[in-house]
Amino acid sequence: MKIVWSPLAVERASEIVDYILQDKPLAAGNWINTVFTKVDQLKGNPEIGRIVPEINERQFRELIYGNYRIIYHIGTKQISILTIRHGKQILPIDEIKS
């Protein structure tokens, strides 16, 4: 299955890396590499993530990595990475269901 990153997900990942870079450059590189590794695992098993509780629909799922939620949508031909959020942030539903 093909994986496509939304512009919002790319922007959020970049913001997180920039934040980590301020104090720990090596950790920033490790963080983003691990995110890509986790997302790549979806190709073989797209349902490994849990259903997003705020939405409660099977096709909207999330992988948890540390304090972050990698939220994605399972389509018929592709997996869309919708956003990455800190677990303490409110998840705006319209941000991922639009």
C-alpha atoms as a PDB file:
ATOM      1  CA  MET A   1       0.000   0.000   0.000  1.00  0.00           C
ATOM      2  CA  LYS A   2       1.225   3.499  -0.841  1.00  0.00           C
ATOM      3  CA  ILE A   3       1.863   6.024   1.962  1.00  0.00           C
ATOM      4  CA  VAL A   4       1.177   9.703   1.336  1.00  0.00           C
ATOM      5  CA  TRP A   5       2.037  12.487   3.787  1.00  0.00           C
ATOM      6  CA  SER A   6      -0.345  15.444   3.926  1.00  0.00           C
ATOM      7  CA  PRO A   7       1.180  18.930   3.884  1.00  0.00           C
ATOM      8  CA  LEU A   8      -0.079  19.369   7.454  1.00  0.00           C
ATOM      9  CA  ALA A   9       1.708  16.207   8.646  1.00  0.00           C
ATOM     10  CA  VAL A  10       4.948  17.326   6.996  1.00  0.00           C
ATOM     11  CA  GLU A  11       4.589  20.760   8.599  1.00  0.00           C
ATOM     12  CA  ARG A  12       3.928  19.292  12.064  1.00  0.00           C
ATOM     13  CA  ALA A  13       6.870  16.876  11.803  1.00  0.00           C
ATOM     14  CA  SER A  14       9.123  19.740  10.752  1.00  0.00           C
ATOM     15  CA  GLU A  15       7.954  21.903  13.668  1.00  0.00           C
ATOM     16  CA  ILE A  16       8.633  19.089  16.135  1.00  0.00           C
ATOM     17  CA  VAL A  17      12.100  18.435  14.706  1.00  0.00           C
ATOM     18  CA  ASP A  18      12.901  22.163  14.851  1.00  0.00           C
ATOM     19  CA  TYR A  19      11.834  22.250  18.493  1.00  0.00           C
ATOM     20  CA  ILE A  20      13.956  19.219  19.435  1.00  0.00           C
ATOM     21  CA  LEU A  21      16.917  20.619  17.457  1.00  0.00           C
ATOM     22  CA  GLN A  22      17.118  23.608  19.806  1.00  0.00           C
ATOM     23  CA  ASP A  23      18.533  21.469  22.611  1.00  0.00           C
ATOM     24  CA  LYS A  24      19.338  18.044  21.198  1.00  0.00           C
ATOM     25  CA  PRO A  25      20.332  17.855  17.527  1.00  0.00           C
ATOM     26  CA  LEU A  26      21.120  14.140  17.654  1.00  0.00           C
ATOM     27  CA  ALA A  27      17.774  13.382  19.302  1.00  0.00           C
ATOM     28  CA  ALA A  28      15.964  15.326  16.559  1.00  0.00           C
ATOM     29  CA  GLY A  29      17.493  13.121  13.871  1.00  0.00           C
ATOM     30  CA  ASN A  30      16.680   9.980  15.824  1.00  0.00           C
ATOM     31  CA  TRP A  31      13.112  11.148  16.394  1.00  0.00           C
ATOM     32  CA  ILE A  32      12.301  11.754  12.732  1.00  0.00           C
ATOM     33  CA  ASN A  33      14.040   8.543  11.620  1.00  0.00           C
ATOM     34  CA  THR A  34      11.942   6.559  14.088  1.00  0.00           C
ATOM     35  CA  VAL A  35       8.763   8.288  12.897  1.00  0.00           C
ATOM     36  CA  PHE A  36       9.551   7.297   9.288  1.00  0.00           C
ATOM     37  CA  THR A  37      10.318   3.722  10.386  1.00  0.00           C
ATOM     38  CA  LYS A  38       7.029   3.438  12.284  1.00  0.00           C
ATOM     39  CA  VAL A  39       5.038   4.892   9.388  1.00  0.00           C
ATOM     40  CA  ASP A  40       6.775   2.565   6.923  1.00  0.00           C
ATOM     41  CA  GLN A  41       5.483  -0.420   8.947  1.00  0.00           C
ATOM     42  CA  LEU A  42       1.944   0.567   7.924  1.00  0.00           C
ATOM     43  CA  LYS A  43       2.601  -0.675   4.375  1.00  0.00           C
ATOM     44  CA  GLY A  44       2.447  -4.282   5.530  1.00  0.00           C
ATOM     45  CA  ASN A  45      -0.071  -3.894   8.321  1.00  0.00           C
ATOM     46  CA  PRO A  46      -2.134  -0.696   8.134  1.00  0.00           C
ATOM     47  CA  GLU A  47      -4.315  -1.596  11.098  1.00  0.00           C
ATOM     48  CA  ILE A  48      -1.494  -1.805  13.672  1.00  0.00           C
ATOM     49  CA  GLY A  49      -2.458   1.592  15.050  1.00  0.00           C
ATOM     50  CA  ARG A  50      -5.373   2.059  17.405  1.00  0.00           C
ATOM     51  CA  ILE A  51      -8.598   3.700  16.304  1.00  0.00           C
ATOM     52  CA  VAL A  52      -8.531   7.443  17.026  1.00  0.00           C
ATOM     53  CA  PRO A  53     -10.796   7.737  20.103  1.00  0.00           C
ATOM     54  CA  GLU A  54     -12.145  11.184  19.193  1.00  0.00           C
ATOM     55  CA  ILE A  55     -13.457   9.889  15.866  1.00  0.00           C
ATOM     56  CA  ASN A  56     -14.112   6.195  16.570  1.00  0.00           C
ATOM     57  CA  GLU A  57     -14.090   5.157  12.906  1.00  0.00           C
ATOM     58  CA  ARG A  58     -12.017   2.167  11.752  1.00  0.00           C
ATOM     59  CA  GLN A  59     -10.262   3.982   8.936  1.00  0.00           C
ATOM     60  CA  PHE A  60      -8.883   6.729  11.220  1.00  0.00           C
ATOM     61  CA  ARG A  61      -6.008   5.351  13.279  1.00  0.00           C
ATOM     62  CA  GLU A  62      -2.960   6.470  15.171  1.00  0.00           C
ATOM     63  CA  LEU A  63       0.464   5.256  16.074  1.00  0.00           C
ATOM     64  CA  ILE A  64       1.821   6.390  19.405  1.00  0.00           C
ATOM     65  CA  TYR A  65       5.495   7.315  19.561  1.00  0.00           C
ATOM     66  CA  GLY A  66       6.646   8.762  22.863  1.00  0.00           C
ATOM     67  CA  ASN A  67       4.426  11.744  23.572  1.00  0.00           C
ATOM     68  CA  TYR A  68       3.215  12.014  19.985  1.00  0.00           C
ATOM     69  CA  ARG A  69       0.268  10.709  17.996  1.00  0.00           C
ATOM     70  CA  ILE A  70       0.832   9.964  14.311  1.00  0.00           C
ATOM     71  CA  ILE A  71      -2.688  10.103  12.905  1.00  0.00           C
ATOM     72  CA  TYR A  72      -3.487   8.437   9.605  1.00  0.00           C
ATOM     73  CA  HIS A  73      -6.349   7.371   7.359  1.00  0.00           C
ATOM     74  CA  ILE A  74      -6.598   3.988   5.648  1.00  0.00           C
ATOM     75  CA  GLY A  75      -8.030   4.348   2.154  1.00  0.00           C
ATOM     76  CA  THR A  76      -8.617   1.716  -0.502  1.00  0.00           C
ATOM     77  CA  LYS A  77      -5.307   2.320  -2.303  1.00  0.00           C
ATOM     78  CA  GLN A  78      -3.264   4.430   0.070  1.00  0.00           C
ATOM     79  CA  ILE A  79      -2.538   5.338   3.659  1.00  0.00           C
ATOM     80  CA  SER A  80      -2.611   9.071   4.308  1.00  0.00           C
ATOM     81  CA  ILE A  81      -0.563  10.460   7.179  1.00  0.00           C
ATOM     82  CA  LEU A  82      -2.822  13.298   8.298  1.00  0.00           C
ATOM     83  CA  THR A  83      -1.034  14.953  11.204  1.00  0.00           C
ATOM     84  CA  ILE A  84       1.283  14.481  14.151  1.00  0.00           C
ATOM     85  CA  ARG A  85       0.179  15.902  17.489  1.00  0.00           C
ATOM     86  CA  HIS A  86       1.537  15.965  21.010  1.00  0.00           C
ATOM     87  CA  GLY A  87      -0.645  13.736  23.160  1.00  0.00           C
ATOM     88  CA  LYS A  88      -1.616  16.669  25.394  1.00  0.00           C
ATOM     89  CA  GLN A  89      -2.841  18.790  22.488  1.00  0.00           C
ATOM     90  CA  ILE A  90      -6.512  18.858  21.606  1.00  0.00           C
ATOM     91  CA  LEU A  91      -7.111  17.122  18.300  1.00  0.00           C
ATOM     92  CA  PRO A  92      -9.257  19.360  16.048  1.00  0.00           C
ATOM     93  CA  ILE A  93     -11.462  16.833  14.243  1.00  0.00           C
ATOM     94  CA  ASP A  94     -12.036  19.146  11.276  1.00  0.00           C
ATOM     95  CA  GLU A  95      -8.260  19.242  10.772  1.00  0.00           C
ATOM     96  CA  ILE A  96      -8.161  15.562   9.858  1.00  0.00           C
ATOM     97  CA  LYS A  97     -11.633  14.869   8.477  1.00  0.00           C
ATOM     98  CA  SER A  98     -11.681  17.625   5.869  1.00  0.00           C
END
